[in-house]
């Protein structure tokens, strides 16, 4: 599984703010950061055409760019 490490200065207040917001939403900070990344990437390399059908859910997600091939 790919890992992305974020580092903050010891005096930076953003990690505390992320923790507070995640607690408000009853999710982990990691889940919150993933939401931010997904929101930021929504318009990147999107295709406007209809979804391509798949033979299974996994096949559908691969054909439409949500998952990589196994």
N, C-alpha and C. Protein backbone atom coordinates (compact mmCIF):
# COMPACT_ATOMS: atom_id res chain seq x y z
N UNK A 1 0.84 -1.17 0.00
CA UNK A 1 0.00 0.00 0.00
C UNK A 1 0.90 1.24 0.00
N UNK A 2 0.68 2.18 -0.92
CA UNK A 2 1.47 3.41 -0.93
C UNK A 2 1.23 4.23 0.34
N UNK A 3 2.28 4.87 0.77
CA UNK A 3 2.21 5.71 1.96
C UNK A 3 2.71 7.10 1.62
N UNK A 4 1.99 8.10 2.11
CA UNK A 4 2.41 9.50 1.94
C UNK A 4 2.60 10.07 3.34
N UNK A 5 3.80 10.57 3.61
CA UNK A 5 4.08 11.13 4.93
C UNK A 5 4.00 12.65 4.86
N UNK A 6 3.35 13.22 5.84
CA UNK A 6 3.27 14.67 5.97
C UNK A 6 4.02 15.08 7.23
N UNK A 7 4.80 16.13 7.14
CA UNK A 7 5.52 16.62 8.31
C UNK A 7 5.11 18.06 8.56
N UNK A 8 4.92 18.36 9.83
CA UNK A 8 4.57 19.70 10.24
C UNK A 8 5.60 20.19 11.24
N UNK A 9 5.85 21.47 11.23
CA UNK A 9 6.72 22.08 12.23
C UNK A 9 6.08 21.87 13.60
N UNK A 10 6.89 21.71 14.62
CA UNK A 10 6.35 21.43 15.96
C UNK A 10 5.42 22.52 16.48
N UNK A 11 5.53 23.72 15.95
CA UNK A 11 4.67 24.82 16.41
C UNK A 11 3.46 25.04 15.50
N UNK A 12 3.37 24.29 14.43
CA UNK A 12 2.26 24.43 13.48
C UNK A 12 0.95 24.01 14.15
N UNK A 13 -0.09 24.77 13.92
CA UNK A 13 -1.39 24.49 14.54
C UNK A 13 -2.31 23.64 13.66
N UNK A 14 -1.93 23.41 12.42
CA UNK A 14 -2.79 22.66 11.50
C UNK A 14 -3.08 21.23 11.98
N UNK A 15 -2.10 20.49 12.51
CA UNK A 15 -2.44 19.14 12.99
C UNK A 15 -3.53 19.14 14.07
N UNK A 16 -3.51 20.12 14.95
CA UNK A 16 -4.55 20.23 15.99
C UNK A 16 -5.91 20.53 15.36
N UNK A 17 -5.89 21.40 14.36
CA UNK A 17 -7.14 21.75 13.68
C UNK A 17 -7.70 20.54 12.93
N UNK A 18 -6.83 19.76 12.31
CA UNK A 18 -7.27 18.54 11.63
C UNK A 18 -7.88 17.56 12.62
N UNK A 19 -7.26 17.43 13.77
CA UNK A 19 -7.76 16.52 14.80
C UNK A 19 -9.14 16.97 15.29
N UNK A 20 -9.30 18.26 15.52
CA UNK A 20 -10.60 18.78 15.97
C UNK A 20 -11.68 18.53 14.93
N UNK A 21 -11.37 18.82 13.67
CA UNK A 21 -12.36 18.65 12.60
C UNK A 21 -12.72 17.17 12.42
N UNK A 22 -11.72 16.31 12.47
CA UNK A 22 -11.98 14.87 12.35
C UNK A 22 -12.88 14.40 13.49
N UNK A 23 -12.62 14.88 14.69
CA UNK A 23 -13.46 14.51 15.84
C UNK A 23 -14.89 15.00 15.65
N UNK A 24 -15.07 16.20 15.10
CA UNK A 24 -16.41 16.72 14.83
C UNK A 24 -17.17 15.80 13.87
N UNK A 25 -16.46 15.24 12.91
CA UNK A 25 -17.07 14.38 11.90
C UNK A 25 -17.09 12.91 12.31
N UNK A 26 -16.50 12.61 13.47
CA UNK A 26 -16.41 11.25 13.99
C UNK A 26 -15.68 10.32 13.01
N UNK A 27 -14.57 10.83 12.47
CA UNK A 27 -13.70 10.06 11.58
C UNK A 27 -12.27 10.26 12.04
N UNK A 28 -11.35 9.49 11.47
CA UNK A 28 -9.94 9.65 11.80
C UNK A 28 -9.34 10.81 11.00
N UNK A 29 -8.20 11.29 11.46
CA UNK A 29 -7.51 12.35 10.72
C UNK A 29 -7.12 11.84 9.34
N UNK A 30 -6.70 10.58 9.25
CA UNK A 30 -6.35 10.00 7.96
C UNK A 30 -7.54 10.03 7.00
N UNK A 31 -8.72 9.67 7.48
CA UNK A 31 -9.92 9.72 6.64
C UNK A 31 -10.21 11.15 6.19
N UNK A 32 -10.03 12.10 7.08
CA UNK A 32 -10.26 13.51 6.74
C UNK A 32 -9.29 13.97 5.66
N UNK A 33 -8.02 13.63 5.82
CA UNK A 33 -7.01 14.02 4.82
C UNK A 33 -7.32 13.38 3.47
N UNK A 34 -7.74 12.11 3.47
CA UNK A 34 -8.12 11.45 2.22
C UNK A 34 -9.29 12.17 1.56
N UNK A 35 -10.26 12.63 2.35
CA UNK A 35 -11.38 13.39 1.79
C UNK A 35 -10.88 14.67 1.12
N UNK A 36 -9.96 15.37 1.79
CA UNK A 36 -9.41 16.60 1.22
C UNK A 36 -8.68 16.32 -0.09
N UNK A 37 -7.91 15.24 -0.13
CA UNK A 37 -7.19 14.89 -1.34
C UNK A 37 -8.17 14.55 -2.46
N UNK A 38 -9.17 13.74 -2.16
CA UNK A 38 -10.17 13.37 -3.18
C UNK A 38 -10.90 14.60 -3.72
N UNK A 39 -11.27 15.51 -2.83
CA UNK A 39 -11.95 16.73 -3.26
C UNK A 39 -11.04 17.57 -4.15
N UNK A 40 -9.77 17.66 -3.78
CA UNK A 40 -8.81 18.43 -4.57
C UNK A 40 -8.52 17.82 -5.93
N UNK A 41 -8.71 16.51 -6.07
CA UNK A 41 -8.41 15.81 -7.32
C UNK A 41 -9.63 15.60 -8.21
N UNK A 42 -10.81 16.03 -7.77
CA UNK A 42 -12.05 15.77 -8.52
C UNK A 42 -12.00 16.19 -9.98
N UNK A 43 -11.44 17.33 -10.26
CA UNK A 43 -11.45 17.83 -11.63
C UNK A 43 -10.20 17.45 -12.42
N UNK A 44 -9.31 16.69 -11.84
CA UNK A 44 -8.07 16.32 -12.50
C UNK A 44 -8.27 15.07 -13.34
N UNK A 45 -7.98 15.18 -14.62
CA UNK A 45 -8.09 14.06 -15.57
C UNK A 45 -9.44 13.37 -15.54
N UNK A 46 -10.50 14.15 -15.44
CA UNK A 46 -11.82 13.54 -15.47
C UNK A 46 -12.29 13.39 -16.91
N UNK A 47 -13.05 12.35 -17.13
CA UNK A 47 -13.64 12.12 -18.45
C UNK A 47 -15.12 12.43 -18.36
N UNK A 48 -15.61 13.11 -19.37
CA UNK A 48 -17.01 13.53 -19.36
C UNK A 48 -17.95 12.48 -19.95
N UNK A 49 -17.40 11.42 -20.52
CA UNK A 49 -18.24 10.41 -21.17
C UNK A 49 -18.93 9.51 -20.17
N UNK A 50 -19.84 8.70 -20.67
CA UNK A 50 -20.56 7.77 -19.78
C UNK A 50 -19.62 6.69 -19.25
N UNK A 51 -19.99 6.11 -18.12
CA UNK A 51 -19.20 5.04 -17.52
C UNK A 51 -19.26 3.80 -18.41
N UNK A 52 -18.14 3.09 -18.44
CA UNK A 52 -18.08 1.84 -19.21
C UNK A 52 -18.55 0.70 -18.31
N UNK A 53 -19.50 -0.10 -18.76
CA UNK A 53 -19.98 -1.20 -17.92
C UNK A 53 -18.89 -2.25 -17.68
N UNK A 54 -19.02 -2.95 -16.58
CA UNK A 54 -18.08 -4.02 -16.26
C UNK A 54 -18.81 -5.30 -15.97
N UNK A 55 -18.06 -6.40 -15.95
CA UNK A 55 -18.66 -7.70 -15.68
C UNK A 55 -18.83 -7.95 -14.19
N UNK A 56 -18.15 -7.16 -13.37
CA UNK A 56 -18.27 -7.23 -11.92
C UNK A 56 -18.02 -5.83 -11.38
N UNK A 57 -18.25 -5.63 -10.09
CA UNK A 57 -17.99 -4.31 -9.51
C UNK A 57 -16.51 -3.97 -9.64
N UNK A 58 -15.64 -4.93 -9.37
CA UNK A 58 -14.20 -4.69 -9.49
C UNK A 58 -13.83 -4.32 -10.92
N UNK A 59 -14.36 -5.05 -11.89
CA UNK A 59 -14.09 -4.78 -13.30
C UNK A 59 -14.59 -3.39 -13.68
N UNK A 60 -15.77 -3.03 -13.21
CA UNK A 60 -16.33 -1.71 -13.47
C UNK A 60 -15.41 -0.61 -12.93
N UNK A 61 -14.94 -0.78 -11.69
CA UNK A 61 -14.09 0.24 -11.07
C UNK A 61 -12.75 0.36 -11.79
N UNK A 62 -12.20 -0.75 -12.26
CA UNK A 62 -10.95 -0.73 -13.01
C UNK A 62 -11.16 -0.05 -14.36
N UNK A 63 -12.20 -0.44 -15.08
CA UNK A 63 -12.46 0.14 -16.41
C UNK A 63 -12.73 1.63 -16.37
N UNK A 64 -13.22 2.12 -15.25
CA UNK A 64 -13.57 3.53 -15.15
C UNK A 64 -12.58 4.34 -14.31
N UNK A 65 -11.41 3.75 -14.05
CA UNK A 65 -10.31 4.49 -13.46
C UNK A 65 -10.34 4.68 -11.95
N UNK A 66 -11.22 3.99 -11.25
CA UNK A 66 -11.26 4.14 -9.79
C UNK A 66 -10.27 3.21 -9.09
N UNK A 67 -9.92 2.09 -9.73
CA UNK A 67 -8.97 1.15 -9.17
C UNK A 67 -7.96 0.75 -10.26
N UNK A 68 -6.77 0.31 -9.81
CA UNK A 68 -5.78 -0.23 -10.73
C UNK A 68 -6.09 -1.71 -10.98
N UNK A 69 -5.54 -2.24 -12.08
CA UNK A 69 -5.63 -3.68 -12.36
C UNK A 69 -4.90 -4.43 -11.26
N UNK A 70 -5.34 -5.64 -10.98
CA UNK A 70 -4.65 -6.48 -9.97
C UNK A 70 -3.32 -6.94 -10.48
